[in-house]
Amino acid sequence: MKHFGLIVLLLATALLAACEQKPYQPPVPHTEPDKSATKLFAPQREALDKAKGVGKTVEQASKEREESSDKAPGY
């Protein structure tokens, strides 16, 4: 009789585990990205690229100024 309780417990556990319901996940549709979404931030990207170009120009001018001051005769 000792084993009868254990067998019932194991069977009940197995039945409950088998009846577990998994959450439903709908299939993900395979669509191509919207082309207008890439144009959404285009003005901001252009402004950022322009600012980076100005930054490079300023750095280049600074280096040229340092080089010219190094070549100039000192007092």
PDB file of N, CA and C in Angstrom:
ATOM      1  N   MET A   1       0.810  -1.190   0.000  1.00  0.00           N
ATOM      2  CA  MET A   1       0.000   0.000   0.000  1.00  0.00           C
ATOM      3  C   MET A   1       0.858   1.261   0.000  1.00  0.00           C
ATOM      4  N   LYS A   2       2.075   1.161   0.498  1.00  0.00           N
ATOM      5  CA  LYS A   2       2.954   2.316   0.522  1.00  0.00           C
ATOM      6  C   LYS A   2       3.229   2.798  -0.894  1.00  0.00           C
ATOM      7  N   HIS A   3       3.433   1.895  -1.780  1.00  0.00           N
ATOM      8  CA  HIS A   3       3.797   2.240  -3.144  1.00  0.00           C
ATOM      9  C   HIS A   3       2.606   2.748  -3.940  1.00  0.00           C
ATOM     10  N   PHE A   4       1.405   2.413  -3.500  1.00  0.00           N
ATOM     11  CA  PHE A   4       0.208   2.838  -4.206  1.00  0.00           C
ATOM     12  C   PHE A   4       0.087   4.367  -4.200  1.00  0.00           C
ATOM     13  N   GLY A   5       0.358   4.997  -3.083  1.00  0.00           N
ATOM     14  CA  GLY A   5       0.303   6.455  -2.978  1.00  0.00           C
ATOM     15  C   GLY A   5       1.358   7.124  -3.852  1.00  0.00           C
ATOM     16  N   LEU A   6       2.523   6.537  -3.894  1.00  0.00           N
ATOM     17  CA  LEU A   6       3.596   7.071  -4.713  1.00  0.00           C
ATOM     18  C   LEU A   6       3.261   6.951  -6.201  1.00  0.00           C
ATOM     19  N   ILE A   7       2.687   5.833  -6.591  1.00  0.00           N
ATOM     20  CA  ILE A   7       2.310   5.636  -7.995  1.00  0.00           C
ATOM     21  C   ILE A   7       1.228   6.628  -8.397  1.00  0.00           C
ATOM     22  N   VAL A   8       0.241   6.842  -7.539  1.00  0.00           N
ATOM     23  CA  VAL A   8      -0.833   7.802  -7.825  1.00  0.00           C
ATOM     24  C   VAL A   8      -0.259   9.208  -7.949  1.00  0.00           C
ATOM     25  N   LEU A   9       0.642   9.554  -7.084  1.00  0.00           N
ATOM     26  CA  LEU A   9       1.264  10.878  -7.128  1.00  0.00           C
ATOM     27  C   LEU A   9       2.048  11.069  -8.423  1.00  0.00           C
ATOM     28  N   LEU A  10       2.801  10.054  -8.836  1.00  0.00           N
ATOM     29  CA  LEU A  10       3.574  10.147 -10.079  1.00  0.00           C
ATOM     30  C   LEU A  10       2.654  10.234 -11.296  1.00  0.00           C
ATOM     31  N   LEU A  11       1.594   9.467 -11.314  1.00  0.00           N
ATOM     32  CA  LEU A  11       0.642   9.525 -12.424  1.00  0.00           C
ATOM     33  C   LEU A  11      -0.051  10.892 -12.489  1.00  0.00           C
ATOM     34  N   ALA A  12      -0.425  11.435 -11.368  1.00  0.00           N
ATOM     35  CA  ALA A  12      -1.076  12.746 -11.343  1.00  0.00           C
ATOM     36  C   ALA A  12      -0.118  13.824 -11.831  1.00  0.00           C
ATOM     37  N   THR A  13       1.128  13.738 -11.444  1.00  0.00           N
ATOM     38  CA  THR A  13       2.138  14.699 -11.886  1.00  0.00           C
ATOM     39  C   THR A  13       2.363  14.591 -13.388  1.00  0.00           C
ATOM     40  N   ALA A  14       2.408  13.367 -13.900  1.00  0.00           N
ATOM     41  CA  ALA A  14       2.612  13.168 -15.334  1.00  0.00           C
ATOM     42  C   ALA A  14       1.426  13.712 -16.127  1.00  0.00           C
ATOM     43  N   LEU A  15       0.215  13.479 -15.644  1.00  0.00           N
ATOM     44  CA  LEU A  15      -0.967  13.988 -16.339  1.00  0.00           C
ATOM     45  C   LEU A  15      -1.010  15.513 -16.336  1.00  0.00           C
ATOM     46  N   LEU A  16      -0.683  16.106 -15.221  1.00  0.00           N
ATOM     47  CA  LEU A  16      -0.685  17.571 -15.149  1.00  0.00           C
ATOM     48  C   LEU A  16       0.396  18.174 -16.043  1.00  0.00           C
ATOM     49  N   ALA A  17       1.545  17.539 -16.105  1.00  0.00           N
ATOM     50  CA  ALA A  17       2.628  18.042 -16.961  1.00  0.00           C
ATOM     51  C   ALA A  17       2.269  17.892 -18.434  1.00  0.00           C
ATOM     52  N   ALA A  18       1.561  16.831 -18.785  1.00  0.00           N
ATOM     53  CA  ALA A  18       1.178  16.607 -20.176  1.00  0.00           C
ATOM     54  C   ALA A  18       0.100  17.591 -20.621  1.00  0.00           C
ATOM     55  N   CYS A  19      -0.705  18.073 -19.694  1.00  0.00           N
ATOM     56  CA  CYS A  19      -1.808  18.977 -20.027  1.00  0.00           C
ATOM     57  C   CYS A  19      -1.401  20.447 -20.005  1.00  0.00           C
ATOM     58  N   GLU A  20      -0.135  20.725 -19.767  1.00  0.00           N
ATOM     59  CA  GLU A  20       0.312  22.113 -19.706  1.00  0.00           C
ATOM     60  C   GLU A  20       0.060  22.801 -21.047  1.00  0.00           C
ATOM     61  N   GLN A  21      -0.567  23.950 -20.980  1.00  0.00           N
ATOM     62  CA  GLN A  21      -0.895  24.678 -22.209  1.00  0.00           C
ATOM     63  C   GLN A  21       0.184  25.724 -22.472  1.00  0.00           C
ATOM     64  N   LYS A  22       0.743  25.675 -23.654  1.00  0.00           N
ATOM     65  CA  LYS A  22       1.782  26.635 -24.026  1.00  0.00           C
ATOM     66  C   LYS A  22       1.123  27.887 -24.590  1.00  0.00           C
ATOM     67  N   PRO A  23       1.705  29.065 -24.332  1.00  0.00           N
ATOM     68  CA  PRO A  23       1.097  30.302 -24.846  1.00  0.00           C
ATOM     69  C   PRO A  23       1.142  30.349 -26.374  1.00  0.00           C
ATOM     70  N   TYR A  24       0.094  30.859 -26.953  1.00  0.00           N
ATOM     71  CA  TYR A  24      -0.007  30.955 -28.410  1.00  0.00           C
ATOM     72  C   TYR A  24       0.814  32.134 -28.908  1.00  0.00           C
ATOM     73  N   GLN A  25       1.636  31.879 -29.900  1.00  0.00           N
ATOM     74  CA  GLN A  25       2.402  32.941 -30.534  1.00  0.00           C
ATOM     75  C   GLN A  25       2.059  32.944 -32.010  1.00  0.00           C
ATOM     76  N   PRO A  26       1.437  34.028 -32.481  1.00  0.00           N
ATOM     77  CA  PRO A  26       1.072  34.064 -33.897  1.00  0.00           C
ATOM     78  C   PRO A  26       2.322  34.095 -34.774  1.00  0.00           C
ATOM     79  N   PRO A  27       2.234  33.548 -35.969  1.00  0.00           N
ATOM     80  CA  PRO A  27       3.405  33.557 -36.852  1.00  0.00           C
ATOM     81  C   PRO A  27       3.778  34.978 -37.266  1.00  0.00           C
ATOM     82  N   VAL A  28       5.056  35.202 -37.388  1.00  0.00           N
ATOM     83  CA  VAL A  28       5.560  36.516 -37.771  1.00  0.00           C
ATOM     84  C   VAL A  28       5.514  36.624 -39.301  1.00  0.00           C
ATOM     85  N   PRO A  29       4.813  37.629 -39.818  1.00  0.00           N
ATOM     86  CA  PRO A  29       4.762  37.759 -41.285  1.00  0.00           C
ATOM     87  C   PRO A  29       6.107  38.234 -41.830  1.00  0.00           C
ATOM     88  N   HIS A  30       6.477  37.699 -42.961  1.00  0.00           N
ATOM     89  CA  HIS A  30       7.727  38.082 -43.605  1.00  0.00           C
ATOM     90  C   HIS A  30       7.424  39.151 -44.646  1.00  0.00           C
ATOM     91  N   THR A  31       7.591  40.395 -44.244  1.00  0.00           N
ATOM     92  CA  THR A  31       7.344  41.503 -45.153  1.00  0.00           C
ATOM     93  C   THR A  31       8.633  42.283 -45.324  1.00  0.00           C
ATOM     94  N   GLU A  32       8.724  42.978 -46.413  1.00  0.00           N
ATOM     95  CA  GLU A  32       9.897  43.809 -46.657  1.00  0.00           C
ATOM     96  C   GLU A  32       9.744  45.120 -45.895  1.00  0.00           C
ATOM     97  N   PRO A  33      10.847  45.713 -45.463  1.00  0.00           N
ATOM     98  CA  PRO A  33      10.765  46.972 -44.721  1.00  0.00           C
ATOM     99  C   PRO A  33      10.186  48.081 -45.591  1.00  0.00           C
ATOM    100  N   ASP A  34       9.523  48.997 -44.928  1.00  0.00           N
ATOM    101  CA  ASP A  34       8.896  50.119 -45.619  1.00  0.00           C
ATOM    102  C   ASP A  34       9.975  51.080 -46.111  1.00  0.00           C
ATOM    103  N   LYS A  35       9.941  51.409 -47.381  1.00  0.00           N
ATOM    104  CA  LYS A  35      10.952  52.289 -47.973  1.00  0.00           C
ATOM    105  C   LYS A  35      10.823  53.722 -47.441  1.00  0.00           C
ATOM    106  N   SER A  36       9.620  54.136 -47.068  1.00  0.00           N
ATOM    107  CA  SER A  36       9.453  55.505 -46.567  1.00  0.00           C
ATOM    108  C   SER A  36      10.073  55.661 -45.183  1.00  0.00           C
ATOM    109  N   ALA A  37      10.237  54.566 -44.454  1.00  0.00           N
ATOM    110  CA  ALA A  37      10.838  54.644 -43.127  1.00  0.00           C
ATOM    111  C   ALA A  37      12.301  55.049 -43.214  1.00  0.00           C
ATOM    112  N   THR A  38      12.990  54.655 -44.265  1.00  0.00           N
ATOM    113  CA  THR A  38      14.395  55.033 -44.391  1.00  0.00           C
ATOM    114  C   THR A  38      14.537  56.512 -44.718  1.00  0.00           C
ATOM    115  N   LYS A  39      13.508  57.101 -45.313  1.00  0.00           N
ATOM    116  CA  LYS A  39      13.551  58.514 -45.654  1.00  0.00           C
ATOM    117  C   LYS A  39      13.142  59.391 -44.484  1.00  0.00           C
ATOM    118  N   LEU A  40      12.660  58.774 -43.425  1.00  0.00           N
ATOM    119  CA  LEU A  40      12.138  59.517 -42.292  1.00  0.00           C
ATOM    120  C   LEU A  40      13.203  60.405 -41.644  1.00  0.00           C
ATOM    121  N   PHE A  41      14.391  59.873 -41.444  1.00  0.00           N
ATOM    122  CA  PHE A  41      15.445  60.616 -40.766  1.00  0.00           C
ATOM    123  C   PHE A  41      16.516  61.115 -41.728  1.00  0.00           C
ATOM    124  N   ALA A  42      16.235  61.147 -42.993  1.00  0.00           N
ATOM    125  CA  ALA A  42      17.220  61.569 -43.984  1.00  0.00           C
ATOM    126  C   ALA A  42      17.725  62.990 -43.740  1.00  0.00           C
ATOM    127  N   PRO A  43      16.861  63.976 -43.443  1.00  0.00           N
ATOM    128  CA  PRO A  43      17.389  65.330 -43.196  1.00  0.00           C
ATOM    129  C   PRO A  43      18.332  65.384 -41.992  1.00  0.00           C
ATOM    130  N   GLN A  44      18.005  64.628 -40.943  1.00  0.00           N
ATOM    131  CA  GLN A  44      18.882  64.629 -39.765  1.00  0.00           C
ATOM    132  C   GLN A  44      20.220  63.974 -40.089  1.00  0.00           C
ATOM    133  N   ARG A  45      20.185  62.905 -40.879  1.00  0.00           N
ATOM    134  CA  ARG A  45      21.448  62.255 -41.257  1.00  0.00           C
ATOM    135  C   ARG A  45      22.302  63.173 -42.116  1.00  0.00           C
ATOM    136  N   GLU A  46      21.664  63.880 -43.042  1.00  0.00           N
ATOM    137  CA  GLU A  46      22.412  64.808 -43.897  1.00  0.00           C
ATOM    138  C   GLU A  46      23.046  65.918 -43.058  1.00  0.00           C
ATOM    139  N   ALA A  47      22.302  66.433 -42.093  1.00  0.00           N
ATOM    140  CA  ALA A  47      22.843  67.481 -41.228  1.00  0.00           C
ATOM    141  C   ALA A  47      24.002  66.947 -40.397  1.00  0.00           C
ATOM    142  N   LEU A  48      23.880  65.724 -39.915  1.00  0.00           N
ATOM    143  CA  LEU A  48      24.960  65.127 -39.132  1.00  0.00           C
ATOM    144  C   LEU A  48      26.208  64.928 -39.983  1.00  0.00           C
ATOM    145  N   ASP A  49      26.032  64.429 -41.200  1.00  0.00           N
ATOM    146  CA  ASP A  49      27.178  64.249 -42.098  1.00  0.00           C
ATOM    147  C   ASP A  49      27.844  65.584 -42.421  1.00  0.00           C
ATOM    148  N   LYS A  50      27.028  66.611 -42.598  1.00  0.00           N
ATOM    149  CA  LYS A  50      27.567  67.943 -42.886  1.00  0.00           C
ATOM    150  C   LYS A  50      28.365  68.459 -41.691  1.00  0.00           C
ATOM    151  N   ALA A  51      27.847  68.237 -40.492  1.00  0.00           N
ATOM    152  CA  ALA A  51      28.549  68.674 -39.285  1.00  0.00           C
ATOM    153  C   ALA A  51      29.869  67.923 -39.122  1.00  0.00           C
ATOM    154  N   LYS A  52      29.869  66.621 -39.440  1.00  0.00           N
ATOM    155  CA  LYS A  52      31.118  65.854 -39.363  1.00  0.00           C
ATOM    156  C   LYS A  52      32.136  66.396 -40.366  1.00  0.00           C
ATOM    157  N   GLY A  53      31.677  66.794 -41.553  1.00  0.00           N
ATOM    158  CA  GLY A  53      32.570  67.361 -42.558  1.00  0.00           C
ATOM    159  C   GLY A  53      33.167  68.673 -42.086  1.00  0.00           C
ATOM    160  N   VAL A  54      32.350  69.501 -41.439  1.00  0.00           N
ATOM    161  CA  VAL A  54      32.847  70.770 -40.898  1.00  0.00           C
ATOM    162  C   VAL A  54      33.856  70.503 -39.804  1.00  0.00           C
ATOM    163  N   GLY A  55      33.608  69.497 -38.973  1.00  0.00           N
ATOM    164  CA  GLY A  55      34.551  69.155 -37.904  1.00  0.00           C
ATOM    165  C   GLY A  55      35.896  68.737 -38.470  1.00  0.00           C
ATOM    166  N   LYS A  56      35.883  67.960 -39.541  1.00  0.00           N
ATOM    167  CA  LYS A  56      37.138  67.537 -40.171  1.00  0.00           C
ATOM    168  C   LYS A  56      37.873  68.732 -40.760  1.00  0.00           C
ATOM    169  N   THR A  57      37.131  69.666 -41.347  1.00  0.00           N
ATOM    170  CA  THR A  57      37.743  70.865 -41.928  1.00  0.00           C
ATOM    171  C   THR A  57      38.407  71.697 -40.841  1.00  0.00           C
ATOM    172  N   VAL A  58      37.739  71.836 -39.698  1.00  0.00           N
ATOM    173  CA  VAL A  58      38.298  72.612 -38.585  1.00  0.00           C
ATOM    174  C   VAL A  58      39.559  71.945 -38.056  1.00  0.00           C
ATOM    175  N   GLU A  59      39.544  70.613 -37.932  1.00  0.00           N
ATOM    176  CA  GLU A  59      40.732  69.903 -37.455  1.00  0.00           C
ATOM    177  C   GLU A  59      41.898  70.066 -38.426  1.00  0.00           C
ATOM    178  N   GLN A  60      41.608  69.993 -39.714  1.00  0.00           N
ATOM    179  CA  GLN A  60      42.657  70.140 -40.722  1.00  0.00           C
ATOM    180  C   GLN A  60      43.239  71.549 -40.674  1.00  0.00           C
ATOM    181  N   ALA A  61      42.396  72.551 -40.535  1.00  0.00           N
ATOM    182  CA  ALA A  61      42.885  73.934 -40.458  1.00  0.00           C
ATOM    183  C   ALA A  61      43.737  74.124 -39.210  1.00  0.00           C
ATOM    184  N   SER A  62      43.342  73.512 -38.106  1.00  0.00           N
ATOM    185  CA  SER A  62      44.110  73.621 -36.868  1.00  0.00           C
ATOM    186  C   SER A  62      45.494  72.986 -37.030  1.00  0.00           C
ATOM    187  N   LYS A  63      45.559  71.829 -37.676  1.00  0.00           N
ATOM    188  CA  LYS A  63      46.849  71.178 -37.897  1.00  0.00           C
ATOM    189  C   LYS A  63      47.736  72.020 -38.804  1.00  0.00           C
ATOM    190  N   GLU A  64      47.146  72.602 -39.842  1.00  0.00           N
ATOM    191  CA  GLU A  64      47.926  73.451 -40.750  1.00  0.00           C
ATOM    192  C   GLU A  64      48.460  74.675 -40.012  1.00  0.00           C
ATOM    193  N   ARG A  65      47.649  75.238 -39.135  1.00  0.00           N
ATOM    194  CA  ARG A  65      48.073  76.402 -38.368  1.00  0.00           C
ATOM    195  C   ARG A  65      49.229  76.043 -37.441  1.00  0.00           C
ATOM    196  N   GLU A  66      49.136  74.861 -36.799  1.00  0.00           N
ATOM    197  CA  GLU A  66      50.222  74.427 -35.915  1.00  0.00           C
ATOM    198  C   GLU A  66      51.510  74.187 -36.699  1.00  0.00           C
ATOM    199  N   GLU A  67      51.386  73.562 -37.866  1.00  0.00           N
ATOM    200  CA  GLU A  67      52.561  73.301 -38.683  1.00  0.00           C
ATOM    201  C   GLU A  67      53.197  74.592 -39.174  1.00  0.00           C
ATOM    202  N   SER A  68      52.371  75.555 -39.539  1.00  0.00           N
ATOM    203  CA  SER A  68      52.925  76.819 -40.026  1.00  0.00           C
ATOM    204  C   SER A  68      53.584  77.591 -38.878  1.00  0.00           C
ATOM    205  N   SER A  69      53.032  77.481 -37.675  1.00  0.00           N
ATOM    206  CA  SER A  69      53.642  78.179 -36.542  1.00  0.00           C
ATOM    207  C   SER A  69      54.951  77.505 -36.136  1.00  0.00           C
ATOM    208  N   ASP A  70      55.033  76.200 -36.336  1.00  0.00           N
ATOM    209  CA  ASP A  70      56.295  75.488 -36.037  1.00  0.00           C
ATOM    210  C   ASP A  70      57.383  75.877 -37.038  1.00  0.00           C
ATOM    211  N   LYS A  71      57.000  76.107 -38.275  1.00  0.00           N
ATOM    212  CA  LYS A  71      57.976  76.464 -39.312  1.00  0.00           C
ATOM    213  C   LYS A  71      58.391  77.934 -39.242  1.00  0.00           C
ATOM    214  N   ALA A  72      57.544  78.759 -38.669  1.00  0.00           N
ATOM    215  CA  ALA A  72      57.858  80.198 -38.605  1.00  0.00           C
ATOM    216  C   ALA A  72      59.000  80.440 -37.610  1.00  0.00           C
ATOM    217  N   PRO A  73      59.837  81.441 -37.928  1.00  0.00           N
ATOM    218  CA  PRO A  73      60.944  81.748 -36.985  1.00  0.00           C
ATOM    219  C   PRO A  73      60.371  82.304 -35.676  1.00  0.00           C
ATOM    220  N   GLY A  74      60.906  81.848 -34.583  1.00  0.00           N
ATOM    221  CA  GLY A  74      60.427  82.272 -33.267  1.00  0.00           C
ATOM    222  C   GLY A  74      61.135  83.520 -32.776  1.00  0.00           C
ATOM    223  N   TYR A  75      60.577  84.128 -31.783  1.00  0.00           N
ATOM    224  CA  TYR A  75      61.176  85.328 -31.196  1.00  0.00           C
ATOM    225  C   TYR A  75      61.951  84.992 -29.983  1.00  0.00           C
TER     226      TYR A  75
END
